[in-house]
Amino acid sequence: MNLPNRLTVARLYITAGFVASMTLAWRWKSPGDPDWTPWLTWSWGYTSGFILFVAASITDYFDGAIARRRNLVTDFGKLMDPVADKVLMAAAFICLIPEKAIPTWAVIVIISREFLITGLRLLASSKGIILPADKMGKHKTAWQMVTVIYFLLLLTLLEFERAGVIHGLYIWWFHAWHYGGAVLIALALILTLYSACGYLWKNRALFAAA
């Protein structure tokens, strides 16, 4: 297995660690608790989840860049790179639902798009055709990653405040979460739907031959 493919597989393992971190982040003690201490009893879950997600996002850039630069593009990479992206993004958006960062219906739209495109790739594969991710799909994934990183960063800052490390977040944090987040989600949804329509139209011959 070459280096780009190893990075792709590594992204799947990092995703598992990210989900575990986000799950642990839901358990934290309040500064009002009698046994609370700043660095020992607070959860590092959001912080570690933020770091792991950024690391996974970096592997998404480098696996493709290295494959193209060193001429290491393989059928495995063409298939698994988009799959690893979908698993990462689906996991991230689902983990953000309990935090009320993104509406459930929006996550359903995003994940449904991924299932639809995966189904198209399976249809193409049954005909001996490998459909790689297109540029618009990459832009969509990049913007979704920016959206997730934005929310994870805000959650990390909130975690630091709960630990008593920083103070005075509430006013600007509230506006950043509700208003800035809404703008990012709207743009991510637009790109998600636009890229899906473009990809389906580009490969419409597959449906005609089905």
N, C-alpha and C. Protein backbone atom coordinates (compact mmCIF):
# COMPACT_ATOMS: atom_id res chain seq x y z
N MET A 1 0.85 -1.20 0.00
CA MET A 1 0.00 0.00 0.00
C MET A 1 0.88 1.24 0.00
N ASN A 2 0.65 2.15 -0.94
CA ASN A 2 1.49 3.33 -1.03
C ASN A 2 1.10 4.38 0.02
N LEU A 3 1.91 5.44 0.10
CA LEU A 3 1.72 6.45 1.15
C LEU A 3 0.36 7.14 1.08
N PRO A 4 -0.10 7.62 -0.09
CA PRO A 4 -1.42 8.26 -0.13
C PRO A 4 -2.54 7.34 0.38
N ASN A 5 -2.49 6.07 0.01
CA ASN A 5 -3.52 5.14 0.47
C ASN A 5 -3.43 4.90 1.98
N ARG A 6 -2.22 4.90 2.50
CA ARG A 6 -2.06 4.76 3.95
C ARG A 6 -2.65 5.95 4.68
N LEU A 7 -2.48 7.13 4.11
CA LEU A 7 -3.07 8.33 4.72
C LEU A 7 -4.59 8.25 4.70
N THR A 8 -5.13 7.71 3.61
CA THR A 8 -6.58 7.56 3.50
C THR A 8 -7.11 6.62 4.57
N VAL A 9 -6.43 5.48 4.74
CA VAL A 9 -6.84 4.52 5.76
C VAL A 9 -6.64 5.11 7.16
N ALA A 10 -5.56 5.88 7.34
CA ALA A 10 -5.32 6.52 8.64
C ALA A 10 -6.45 7.46 9.00
N ARG A 11 -7.02 8.10 7.99
CA ARG A 11 -8.14 9.02 8.25
C ARG A 11 -9.33 8.30 8.87
N LEU A 12 -9.55 7.06 8.47
CA LEU A 12 -10.64 6.27 9.06
C LEU A 12 -10.37 5.98 10.54
N TYR A 13 -9.12 5.65 10.86
CA TYR A 13 -8.77 5.40 12.27
C TYR A 13 -8.88 6.68 13.09
N ILE A 14 -8.43 7.80 12.52
CA ILE A 14 -8.52 9.07 13.23
C ILE A 14 -9.98 9.43 13.48
N THR A 15 -10.84 9.11 12.51
CA THR A 15 -12.27 9.38 12.68
C THR A 15 -12.82 8.63 13.88
N ALA A 16 -12.41 7.38 14.06
CA ALA A 16 -12.86 6.60 15.22
C ALA A 16 -12.43 7.27 16.52
N GLY A 17 -11.18 7.76 16.56
CA GLY A 17 -10.71 8.48 17.73
C GLY A 17 -11.47 9.77 17.96
N PHE A 18 -11.81 10.44 16.89
CA PHE A 18 -12.58 11.68 16.99
C PHE A 18 -13.94 11.42 17.62
N VAL A 19 -14.63 10.38 17.16
CA VAL A 19 -15.95 10.06 17.71
C VAL A 19 -15.84 9.72 19.20
N ALA A 20 -14.81 8.96 19.57
CA ALA A 20 -14.62 8.62 20.98
C ALA A 20 -14.38 9.87 21.81
N SER A 21 -13.59 10.80 21.29
CA SER A 21 -13.30 12.03 22.02
C SER A 21 -14.55 12.88 22.21
N MET A 22 -15.35 12.99 21.15
CA MET A 22 -16.57 13.78 21.25
C MET A 22 -17.56 13.16 22.23
N THR A 23 -17.58 11.84 22.29
CA THR A 23 -18.47 11.17 23.23
C THR A 23 -18.02 11.43 24.66
N LEU A 24 -16.71 11.36 24.92
CA LEU A 24 -16.19 11.62 26.26
C LEU A 24 -16.38 13.08 26.66
N ALA A 25 -16.45 13.97 25.68
CA ALA A 25 -16.58 15.40 25.98
C ALA A 25 -17.92 15.73 26.62
N TRP A 26 -18.88 14.84 26.49
CA TRP A 26 -20.19 15.12 27.09
C TRP A 26 -20.17 14.92 28.60
N ARG A 27 -19.06 14.44 29.16
CA ARG A 27 -18.94 14.22 30.60
C ARG A 27 -17.94 15.23 31.16
N TRP A 28 -18.41 16.20 31.87
CA TRP A 28 -17.50 17.17 32.45
C TRP A 28 -18.09 17.67 33.76
N LYS A 29 -17.22 18.11 34.67
CA LYS A 29 -17.67 18.62 35.96
C LYS A 29 -17.69 20.14 35.94
N SER A 30 -18.64 20.68 36.62
CA SER A 30 -18.80 22.13 36.69
C SER A 30 -17.82 22.71 37.71
N PRO A 31 -17.35 23.95 37.49
CA PRO A 31 -16.50 24.59 38.49
C PRO A 31 -17.17 24.71 39.85
N GLY A 32 -18.50 24.56 39.89
CA GLY A 32 -19.21 24.63 41.17
C GLY A 32 -19.14 23.35 41.97
N ASP A 33 -18.68 22.26 41.36
CA ASP A 33 -18.60 20.99 42.08
C ASP A 33 -17.48 21.04 43.12
N PRO A 34 -17.70 20.41 44.29
CA PRO A 34 -16.71 20.50 45.37
C PRO A 34 -15.36 19.89 45.04
N ASP A 35 -15.34 18.86 44.17
CA ASP A 35 -14.07 18.21 43.85
C ASP A 35 -13.48 18.69 42.53
N TRP A 36 -13.92 19.85 42.09
CA TRP A 36 -13.46 20.38 40.80
C TRP A 36 -12.06 20.98 40.92
N THR A 37 -11.18 20.63 39.98
CA THR A 37 -9.86 21.27 39.84
C THR A 37 -9.66 21.57 38.35
N PRO A 38 -9.04 22.68 38.01
CA PRO A 38 -9.00 23.15 36.61
C PRO A 38 -8.48 22.14 35.61
N TRP A 39 -7.40 21.44 35.91
CA TRP A 39 -6.76 20.64 34.87
C TRP A 39 -6.94 19.13 35.03
N LEU A 40 -7.64 18.70 36.08
CA LEU A 40 -7.74 17.27 36.33
C LEU A 40 -9.15 16.71 36.13
N THR A 41 -10.19 17.48 36.45
CA THR A 41 -11.53 16.91 36.40
C THR A 41 -12.35 17.41 35.21
N TRP A 42 -11.78 18.25 34.39
CA TRP A 42 -12.56 18.70 33.23
C TRP A 42 -12.22 17.83 32.04
N SER A 43 -13.16 17.73 31.14
CA SER A 43 -12.99 16.86 29.98
C SER A 43 -12.14 17.54 28.92
N TRP A 44 -11.23 16.76 28.36
CA TRP A 44 -10.42 17.24 27.24
C TRP A 44 -11.04 16.81 25.91
N GLY A 45 -12.28 16.30 25.96
CA GLY A 45 -12.90 15.69 24.78
C GLY A 45 -13.02 16.59 23.58
N TYR A 46 -13.56 17.80 23.77
CA TYR A 46 -13.72 18.71 22.63
C TYR A 46 -12.37 19.13 22.07
N THR A 47 -11.43 19.38 22.98
CA THR A 47 -10.10 19.80 22.54
C THR A 47 -9.41 18.71 21.72
N SER A 48 -9.44 17.48 22.25
CA SER A 48 -8.82 16.38 21.50
C SER A 48 -9.60 16.08 20.22
N GLY A 49 -10.94 16.23 20.27
CA GLY A 49 -11.74 16.04 19.06
C GLY A 49 -11.38 17.07 18.00
N PHE A 50 -11.17 18.30 18.43
CA PHE A 50 -10.76 19.37 17.51
C PHE A 50 -9.42 19.04 16.86
N ILE A 51 -8.45 18.61 17.68
CA ILE A 51 -7.12 18.28 17.16
C ILE A 51 -7.19 17.11 16.19
N LEU A 52 -7.96 16.08 16.54
CA LEU A 52 -8.06 14.90 15.69
C LEU A 52 -8.76 15.23 14.38
N PHE A 53 -9.79 16.07 14.43
CA PHE A 53 -10.48 16.41 13.19
C PHE A 53 -9.58 17.21 12.26
N VAL A 54 -8.82 18.15 12.82
CA VAL A 54 -7.88 18.92 12.00
C VAL A 54 -6.85 17.98 11.39
N ALA A 55 -6.36 17.02 12.17
CA ALA A 55 -5.38 16.07 11.65
C ALA A 55 -5.97 15.25 10.50
N ALA A 56 -7.22 14.81 10.67
CA ALA A 56 -7.88 14.05 9.61
C ALA A 56 -8.05 14.90 8.35
N SER A 57 -8.39 16.16 8.55
CA SER A 57 -8.56 17.07 7.40
C SER A 57 -7.24 17.27 6.66
N ILE A 58 -6.15 17.31 7.40
CA ILE A 58 -4.83 17.47 6.78
C ILE A 58 -4.49 16.25 5.94
N THR A 59 -4.82 15.05 6.44
CA THR A 59 -4.54 13.85 5.64
C THR A 59 -5.35 13.86 4.35
N ASP A 60 -6.54 14.46 4.39
CA ASP A 60 -7.35 14.53 3.18
C ASP A 60 -6.67 15.36 2.10
N TYR A 61 -5.96 16.40 2.52
CA TYR A 61 -5.24 17.22 1.54
C TYR A 61 -4.01 16.49 1.01
N PHE A 62 -3.24 15.91 1.93
CA PHE A 62 -1.95 15.36 1.53
C PHE A 62 -2.07 14.05 0.75
N ASP A 63 -3.10 13.23 1.02
CA ASP A 63 -3.16 11.98 0.26
C ASP A 63 -3.37 12.24 -1.23
N GLY A 64 -4.24 13.20 -1.54
CA GLY A 64 -4.45 13.55 -2.94
C GLY A 64 -3.27 14.26 -3.56
N ALA A 65 -2.69 15.20 -2.82
CA ALA A 65 -1.56 15.98 -3.34
C ALA A 65 -0.36 15.08 -3.62
N ILE A 66 -0.06 14.17 -2.70
CA ILE A 66 1.08 13.27 -2.88
C ILE A 66 0.82 12.30 -4.04
N ALA A 67 -0.41 11.79 -4.12
CA ALA A 67 -0.74 10.84 -5.19
C ALA A 67 -0.56 11.47 -6.56
N ARG A 68 -0.99 12.73 -6.70
CA ARG A 68 -0.86 13.40 -8.01
C ARG A 68 0.59 13.78 -8.29
N ARG A 69 1.30 14.25 -7.30
CA ARG A 69 2.67 14.71 -7.51
C ARG A 69 3.61 13.56 -7.82
N ARG A 70 3.40 12.42 -7.18
CA ARG A 70 4.30 11.27 -7.37
C ARG A 70 3.72 10.22 -8.31
N ASN A 71 2.62 10.56 -8.94
CA ASN A 71 1.96 9.64 -9.88
C ASN A 71 1.63 8.31 -9.18
N LEU A 72 0.99 8.42 -8.02
CA LEU A 72 0.61 7.24 -7.23
C LEU A 72 -0.90 7.06 -7.18
N VAL A 73 -1.59 7.59 -8.18
CA VAL A 73 -3.05 7.48 -8.22
C VAL A 73 -3.43 6.03 -8.50
N THR A 74 -4.29 5.46 -7.67
CA THR A 74 -4.72 4.06 -7.83
C THR A 74 -6.24 3.99 -7.78
N ASP A 75 -6.80 2.87 -8.23
CA ASP A 75 -8.24 2.67 -8.14
C ASP A 75 -8.69 2.64 -6.68
N PHE A 76 -7.85 2.06 -5.81
CA PHE A 76 -8.17 2.04 -4.39
C PHE A 76 -8.32 3.46 -3.86
N GLY A 77 -7.38 4.32 -4.22
CA GLY A 77 -7.44 5.70 -3.77
C GLY A 77 -8.64 6.44 -4.31
N LYS A 78 -8.96 6.21 -5.58
CA LYS A 78 -10.10 6.88 -6.20
C LYS A 78 -11.41 6.52 -5.49
N LEU A 79 -11.49 5.28 -5.03
CA LEU A 79 -12.71 4.82 -4.36
C LEU A 79 -12.71 5.18 -2.87
N MET A 80 -11.59 4.90 -2.19
CA MET A 80 -11.57 5.01 -0.73
C MET A 80 -11.37 6.43 -0.23
N ASP A 81 -10.71 7.29 -1.00
CA ASP A 81 -10.53 8.67 -0.55
C ASP A 81 -11.87 9.36 -0.34
N PRO A 82 -12.81 9.32 -1.31
CA PRO A 82 -14.12 9.92 -1.07
C PRO A 82 -14.90 9.22 0.04
N VAL A 83 -14.74 7.90 0.16
CA VAL A 83 -15.44 7.16 1.22
C VAL A 83 -14.95 7.61 2.59
N ALA A 84 -13.63 7.74 2.74
CA ALA A 84 -13.07 8.19 4.02
C ALA A 84 -13.55 9.60 4.34
N ASP A 85 -13.65 10.45 3.31
CA ASP A 85 -14.18 11.80 3.51
C ASP A 85 -15.61 11.74 4.03
N LYS A 86 -16.42 10.90 3.42
CA LYS A 86 -17.83 10.81 3.79
C LYS A 86 -17.99 10.30 5.22
N VAL A 87 -17.19 9.29 5.58
CA VAL A 87 -17.27 8.75 6.94
C VAL A 87 -16.88 9.83 7.95
N LEU A 88 -15.81 10.55 7.66
CA LEU A 88 -15.35 11.61 8.56
C LEU A 88 -16.41 12.69 8.73
N MET A 89 -16.96 13.17 7.62
CA MET A 89 -17.92 14.26 7.69
C MET A 89 -19.23 13.81 8.32
N ALA A 90 -19.69 12.62 7.99
CA ALA A 90 -20.92 12.12 8.59
C ALA A 90 -20.75 11.99 10.10
N ALA A 91 -19.62 11.45 10.53
CA ALA A 91 -19.36 11.31 11.97
C ALA A 91 -19.33 12.67 12.65
N ALA A 92 -18.67 13.64 12.01
CA ALA A 92 -18.56 14.97 12.62
C ALA A 92 -19.91 15.65 12.75
N PHE A 93 -20.70 15.63 11.70
CA PHE A 93 -22.00 16.30 11.75
C PHE A 93 -22.94 15.62 12.74
N ILE A 94 -22.90 14.28 12.80
CA ILE A 94 -23.75 13.57 13.75
C ILE A 94 -23.34 13.90 15.18
N CYS A 95 -22.04 13.98 15.43
CA CYS A 95 -21.55 14.33 16.77
C CYS A 95 -21.94 15.75 17.18
N LEU A 96 -22.16 16.62 16.20
CA LEU A 96 -22.52 18.01 16.50
C LEU A 96 -24.01 18.19 16.74
N ILE A 97 -24.82 17.19 16.40
CA ILE A 97 -26.27 17.31 16.61
C ILE A 97 -26.62 17.49 18.09
N PRO A 98 -26.07 16.66 19.01
CA PRO A 98 -26.42 16.85 20.44
C PRO A 98 -26.01 18.21 20.98
N GLU A 99 -25.02 18.84 20.34
CA GLU A 99 -24.57 20.16 20.77
C GLU A 99 -25.44 21.28 20.19
N LYS A 100 -26.42 20.89 19.37
CA LYS A 100 -27.31 21.85 18.70
C LYS A 100 -26.53 22.84 17.83
N ALA A 101 -25.42 22.33 17.27
CA ALA A 101 -24.62 23.16 16.36
C ALA A 101 -25.26 23.21 14.98
N ILE A 102 -25.86 22.10 14.58
CA ILE A 102 -26.45 22.01 13.24
C ILE A 102 -27.77 21.25 13.35
N PRO A 103 -28.81 21.72 12.65
CA PRO A 103 -30.11 21.04 12.73
C PRO A 103 -30.04 19.62 12.19
N THR A 104 -30.86 18.76 12.77
CA THR A 104 -30.88 17.37 12.33
C THR A 104 -31.25 17.24 10.86
N TRP A 105 -32.19 18.07 10.40
CA TRP A 105 -32.63 17.98 9.00
C TRP A 105 -31.48 18.31 8.05
N ALA A 106 -30.61 19.24 8.46
CA ALA A 106 -29.48 19.62 7.61
C ALA A 106 -28.49 18.46 7.51
N VAL A 107 -28.28 17.77 8.62
CA VAL A 107 -27.39 16.61 8.61
C VAL A 107 -27.97 15.51 7.72
N ILE A 108 -29.29 15.33 7.78
CA ILE A 108 -29.93 14.33 6.93
C ILE A 108 -29.73 14.67 5.45
N VAL A 109 -29.85 15.94 5.10
CA VAL A 109 -29.64 16.36 3.71
C VAL A 109 -28.21 16.05 3.28
N ILE A 110 -27.24 16.40 4.13
CA ILE A 110 -25.83 16.20 3.79
C ILE A 110 -25.51 14.72 3.64
N ILE A 111 -25.96 13.90 4.58
CA ILE A 111 -25.65 12.47 4.53
C ILE A 111 -26.40 11.80 3.38
N SER A 112 -27.62 12.23 3.11
CA SER A 112 -28.38 11.66 1.99
C SER A 112 -27.66 11.92 0.68
N ARG A 113 -27.08 13.10 0.54
CA ARG A 113 -26.31 13.42 -0.67
C ARG A 113 -25.16 12.44 -0.84
N GLU A 114 -24.49 12.12 0.29
CA GLU A 114 -23.36 11.21 0.21
C GLU A 114 -23.79 9.80 -0.18
N PHE A 115 -24.92 9.34 0.37
CA PHE A 115 -25.44 8.03 -0.01
C PHE A 115 -25.80 7.99 -1.50
N LEU A 116 -26.38 9.08 -1.98
CA LEU A 116 -26.78 9.15 -3.39
C LEU A 116 -25.56 9.05 -4.30
N ILE A 117 -24.52 9.79 -3.99
CA ILE A 117 -23.31 9.77 -4.82
C ILE A 117 -22.60 8.42 -4.70
N THR A 118 -22.61 7.84 -3.49
CA THR A 118 -22.01 6.52 -3.32
C THR A 118 -22.76 5.48 -4.15
N GLY A 119 -24.08 5.59 -4.18
CA GLY A 119 -24.87 4.68 -5.02
C GLY A 119 -24.52 4.82 -6.48
N LEU A 120 -24.29 6.05 -6.92
CA LEU A 120 -23.90 6.28 -8.32
C LEU A 120 -22.54 5.64 -8.60
N ARG A 121 -21.62 5.75 -7.65
CA ARG A 121 -20.30 5.14 -7.85
C ARG A 121 -20.40 3.62 -7.89
N LEU A 122 -21.28 3.06 -7.08
CA LEU A 122 -21.47 1.61 -7.11
C LEU A 122 -22.06 1.17 -8.44
N LEU A 123 -22.98 1.97 -8.96
CA LEU A 123 -23.56 1.67 -10.28
C LEU A 123 -22.49 1.71 -11.35
N ALA A 124 -21.63 2.73 -11.29
CA ALA A 124 -20.55 2.84 -12.26
C ALA A 124 -19.57 1.68 -12.11
N SER A 125 -19.27 1.32 -10.86
CA SER A 125 -18.34 0.23 -10.61
C SER A 125 -18.85 -1.10 -11.19
N SER A 126 -20.17 -1.28 -11.13
CA SER A 126 -20.74 -2.51 -11.68
C SER A 126 -20.56 -2.59 -13.20
N LYS A 127 -20.31 -1.44 -13.82
CA LYS A 127 -20.07 -1.38 -15.25
C LYS A 127 -18.59 -1.26 -15.58
N GLY A 128 -17.75 -1.43 -14.56
CA GLY A 128 -16.31 -1.37 -14.77
C GLY A 128 -15.77 0.04 -14.87
N ILE A 129 -16.51 1.02 -14.35
CA ILE A 129 -16.10 2.43 -14.41
C ILE A 129 -15.81 2.93 -13.01
N ILE A 130 -14.67 3.60 -12.83
CA ILE A 130 -14.31 4.20 -11.56
C ILE A 130 -14.59 5.70 -11.63
N LEU A 131 -15.46 6.19 -10.76
CA LEU A 131 -15.79 7.61 -10.74
C LEU A 131 -15.02 8.30 -9.60
N PRO A 132 -14.01 9.09 -9.91
CA PRO A 132 -13.29 9.81 -8.86
C PRO A 132 -14.09 11.02 -8.40
N ALA A 133 -13.68 11.59 -7.28
CA ALA A 133 -14.32 12.82 -6.81
C ALA A 133 -13.95 13.96 -7.77
N ASP A 134 -14.93 14.83 -8.03
CA ASP A 134 -14.65 15.97 -8.91
C ASP A 134 -14.25 17.19 -8.08
N LYS A 135 -13.87 18.27 -8.76
CA LYS A 135 -13.39 19.46 -8.06
C LYS A 135 -14.46 20.08 -7.18
N MET A 136 -15.70 20.14 -7.68
CA MET A 136 -16.77 20.73 -6.89
C MET A 136 -17.02 19.91 -5.63
N GLY A 137 -16.92 18.58 -5.75
CA GLY A 137 -17.07 17.73 -4.58
C GLY A 137 -15.99 18.00 -3.54
N LYS A 138 -14.76 18.25 -4.04
CA LYS A 138 -13.67 18.58 -3.13
C LYS A 138 -13.90 19.92 -2.44
N HIS A 139 -14.41 20.90 -3.21
CA HIS A 139 -14.73 22.20 -2.62
C HIS A 139 -15.81 22.06 -1.55
N LYS A 140 -16.80 21.22 -1.85
CA LYS A 140 -17.88 20.97 -0.90
C LYS A 140 -17.34 20.39 0.39
N THR A 141 -16.47 19.37 0.26
CA THR A 141 -15.90 18.73 1.43
C THR A 141 -15.04 19.72 2.23
N ALA A 142 -14.27 20.53 1.53
CA ALA A 142 -13.42 21.52 2.20
C ALA A 142 -14.26 22.50 3.01
N TRP A 143 -15.37 22.95 2.43
CA TRP A 143 -16.22 23.92 3.14
C TRP A 143 -16.92 23.26 4.32
N GLN A 144 -17.32 22.01 4.16
CA GLN A 144 -17.91 21.28 5.28
C GLN A 144 -16.90 21.14 6.41
N MET A 145 -15.65 20.87 6.05
CA MET A 145 -14.60 20.76 7.06
C MET A 145 -14.40 22.08 7.79
N VAL A 146 -14.42 23.17 7.06
CA VAL A 146 -14.29 24.50 7.68
C VAL A 146 -15.43 24.72 8.67
N THR A 147 -16.64 24.33 8.28
CA THR A 147 -17.81 24.49 9.15
C THR A 147 -17.65 23.69 10.44
N VAL A 148 -17.22 22.44 10.31
CA VAL A 148 -17.04 21.60 11.49
C VAL A 148 -15.93 22.14 12.38
N ILE A 149 -14.80 22.53 11.78
CA ILE A 149 -13.69 23.07 12.56
C ILE A 149 -14.12 24.32 13.31
N TYR A 150 -14.94 25.14 12.69
CA TYR A 150 -15.45 26.36 13.32
C TYR A 150 -16.20 26.02 14.62
N PHE A 151 -17.13 25.07 14.52
CA PHE A 151 -17.91 24.69 15.70
C PHE A 151 -17.05 24.00 16.74
N LEU A 152 -16.12 23.15 16.30
CA LEU A 152 -15.25 22.45 17.25
C LEU A 152 -14.34 23.44 17.99
N LEU A 153 -13.89 24.47 17.29
CA LEU A 153 -13.05 25.47 17.94
C LEU A 153 -13.84 26.21 19.02
N LEU A 154 -15.10 26.56 18.71
CA LEU A 154 -15.94 27.23 19.70
C LEU A 154 -16.20 26.32 20.89
N LEU A 155 -16.43 25.04 20.65
CA LEU A 155 -16.64 24.10 21.75
C LEU A 155 -15.38 23.94 22.59
N THR A 156 -14.22 23.96 21.93
CA THR A 156 -12.96 23.88 22.65
C THR A 156 -12.77 25.08 23.56
N LEU A 157 -13.09 26.27 23.05
CA LEU A 157 -12.99 27.48 23.87
C LEU A 157 -13.94 27.42 25.06
N LEU A 158 -15.14 26.90 24.81
CA LEU A 158 -16.11 26.75 25.90
C LEU A 158 -15.60 25.78 26.95
N GLU A 159 -14.94 24.73 26.50
CA GLU A 159 -14.36 23.75 27.41
C GLU A 159 -13.27 24.39 28.27
N PHE A 160 -12.47 25.26 27.67
CA PHE A 160 -11.44 25.96 28.44
C PHE A 160 -12.06 26.89 29.47
N GLU A 161 -13.17 27.53 29.08
CA GLU A 161 -13.84 28.41 30.04
C GLU A 161 -14.42 27.62 31.21
N ARG A 162 -14.99 26.46 30.91
CA ARG A 162 -15.53 25.61 31.97
C ARG A 162 -14.43 25.17 32.93
N ALA A 163 -13.23 25.03 32.40
CA ALA A 163 -12.09 24.63 33.23
C ALA A 163 -11.52 25.79 34.02
N GLY A 164 -12.01 27.00 33.76
CA GLY A 164 -11.52 28.17 34.46
C GLY A 164 -10.24 28.73 33.90
N VAL A 165 -9.87 28.29 32.70
CA VAL A 165 -8.61 28.76 32.10
C VAL A 165 -8.80 30.13 31.46
N ILE A 166 -9.93 30.34 30.80
CA ILE A 166 -10.24 31.64 30.21
C ILE A 166 -11.61 32.09 30.69
N HIS A 167 -11.92 33.37 30.50
CA HIS A 167 -13.19 33.91 31.00
C HIS A 167 -13.76 34.91 29.99
N GLY A 168 -15.04 35.20 30.16
CA GLY A 168 -15.68 36.25 29.39
C GLY A 168 -16.02 35.91 27.96
N LEU A 169 -16.32 34.64 27.70
CA LEU A 169 -16.62 34.24 26.32
C LEU A 169 -18.06 34.51 25.91
N TYR A 170 -18.97 34.55 26.88
CA TYR A 170 -20.38 34.34 26.56
C TYR A 170 -20.92 35.23 25.46
N ILE A 171 -20.77 36.54 25.52
CA ILE A 171 -21.45 37.44 24.59
C ILE A 171 -21.01 37.18 23.15
N TRP A 172 -19.71 37.27 22.88
CA TRP A 172 -19.25 37.09 21.50
C TRP A 172 -19.36 35.63 21.08
N TRP A 173 -19.20 34.70 22.04
CA TRP A 173 -19.32 33.28 21.72
C TRP A 173 -20.73 32.97 21.27
N PHE A 174 -21.72 33.52 21.92
CA PHE A 174 -23.13 33.29 21.57
C PHE A 174 -23.39 33.75 20.14
N HIS A 175 -22.93 34.94 19.79
CA HIS A 175 -23.14 35.46 18.43
C HIS A 175 -22.37 34.62 17.40
N ALA A 176 -21.16 34.23 17.73
CA ALA A 176 -20.37 33.42 16.80
C ALA A 176 -21.04 32.07 16.57
N TRP A 177 -21.58 31.48 17.63
CA TRP A 177 -22.21 30.16 17.53
C TRP A 177 -23.49 30.22 16.70
N HIS A 178 -24.35 31.17 17.02
CA HIS A 178 -25.68 31.19 16.40
C HIS A 178 -25.69 31.88 15.03
N TYR A 179 -24.97 32.98 14.90
CA TYR A 179 -25.05 33.73 13.64
C TYR A 179 -23.95 33.32 12.66
N GLY A 180 -22.72 33.29 13.13
CA GLY A 180 -21.64 32.84 12.26
C GLY A 180 -21.83 31.40 11.83
N GLY A 181 -22.27 30.57 12.76
CA GLY A 181 -22.52 29.17 12.43
C GLY A 181 -23.62 28.99 11.41
N ALA A 182 -24.67 29.80 11.53
CA ALA A 182 -25.80 29.70 10.59
C ALA A 182 -25.35 30.02 9.17
N VAL A 183 -24.48 31.00 9.02
CA VAL A 183 -23.97 31.37 7.69
C VAL A 183 -23.15 30.22 7.10
N LEU A 184 -22.29 29.63 7.90
CA LEU A 184 -21.45 28.53 7.43
C LEU A 184 -22.29 27.31 7.05
N ILE A 185 -23.29 27.01 7.86
CA ILE A 185 -24.17 25.88 7.56
C ILE A 185 -24.92 26.10 6.25
N ALA A 186 -25.43 27.32 6.06
CA ALA A 186 -26.17 27.64 4.84
C ALA A 186 -25.28 27.46 3.60
N LEU A 187 -24.06 27.96 3.67
CA LEU A 187 -23.14 27.82 2.54
C LEU A 187 -22.77 26.36 2.30
N ALA A 188 -22.57 25.61 3.38
CA ALA A 188 -22.25 24.20 3.24
C ALA A 188 -23.39 23.43 2.58
N LEU A 189 -24.63 23.77 2.95
CA LEU A 189 -25.78 23.11 2.34
C LEU A 189 -25.91 23.46 0.86
N ILE A 190 -25.68 24.72 0.52
CA ILE A 190 -25.76 25.14 -0.88
C ILE A 190 -24.74 24.39 -1.72
N LEU A 191 -23.49 24.32 -1.24
CA LEU A 191 -22.46 23.60 -1.96
C LEU A 191 -22.75 22.10 -2.03
N THR A 192 -23.32 21.56 -0.97
CA THR A 192 -23.67 20.13 -0.94
C THR A 192 -24.68 19.81 -2.03
N LEU A 193 -25.74 20.61 -2.12
CA LEU A 193 -26.79 20.35 -3.12
C LEU A 193 -26.31 20.66 -4.53
N TYR A 194 -25.56 21.75 -4.67
CA TYR A 194 -25.08 22.14 -6.00
C TYR A 194 -24.11 21.10 -6.56
N SER A 195 -23.19 20.63 -5.71
CA SER A 195 -22.22 19.63 -6.17
C SER A 195 -22.90 18.32 -6.51
N ALA A 196 -23.95 17.96 -5.77
CA ALA A 196 -24.69 16.73 -6.06
C ALA A 196 -25.37 16.81 -7.42
N CYS A 197 -26.04 17.93 -7.66
CA CYS A 197 -26.72 18.11 -8.96
C CYS A 197 -25.72 18.08 -10.11
N GLY A 198 -24.58 18.75 -9.92
CA GLY A 198 -23.57 18.78 -10.97
C GLY A 198 -22.98 17.41 -11.24
N TYR A 199 -22.74 16.64 -10.18
CA TYR A 199 -22.15 15.31 -10.33
C TYR A 199 -23.12 14.36 -11.02
N LEU A 200 -24.39 14.44 -10.63
CA LEU A 200 -25.40 13.59 -11.25
C LEU A 200 -25.59 13.93 -12.72
N TRP A 201 -25.59 15.21 -13.02
CA TRP A 201 -25.76 15.64 -14.41
C TRP A 201 -24.56 15.22 -15.26
N LYS A 202 -23.39 15.34 -14.69
CA LYS A 202 -22.16 14.98 -15.42
C LYS A 202 -22.15 13.50 -15.75
N ASN A 203 -22.74 12.69 -14.89
CA ASN A 203 -22.72 11.24 -15.08
C ASN A 203 -24.11 10.69 -15.40
N ARG A 204 -24.94 11.52 -16.00
CA ARG A 204 -26.33 11.11 -16.29
C ARG A 204 -26.41 9.94 -17.26
N ALA A 205 -25.36 9.71 -18.05
CA ALA A 205 -25.37 8.59 -18.99
C ALA A 205 -25.48 7.25 -18.28
N LEU A 206 -25.00 7.20 -17.02
CA LEU A 206 -25.08 5.96 -16.26
C LEU A 206 -26.54 5.58 -15.98
N PHE A 207 -27.38 6.60 -15.73
CA PHE A 207 -28.78 6.31 -15.46
C PHE A 207 -29.49 5.87 -16.74
N ALA A 208 -29.11 6.49 -17.85
CA ALA A 208 -29.74 6.14 -19.12
C ALA A 208 -29.45 4.69 -19.52
N ALA A 209 -28.24 4.23 -19.12
CA ALA A 209 -27.84 2.87 -19.48
C ALA A 209 -28.27 1.84 -18.45
N ALA A 210 -28.84 2.31 -17.34
CA ALA A 210 -29.23 1.37 -16.27
C ALA A 210 -30.44 0.54 -16.66
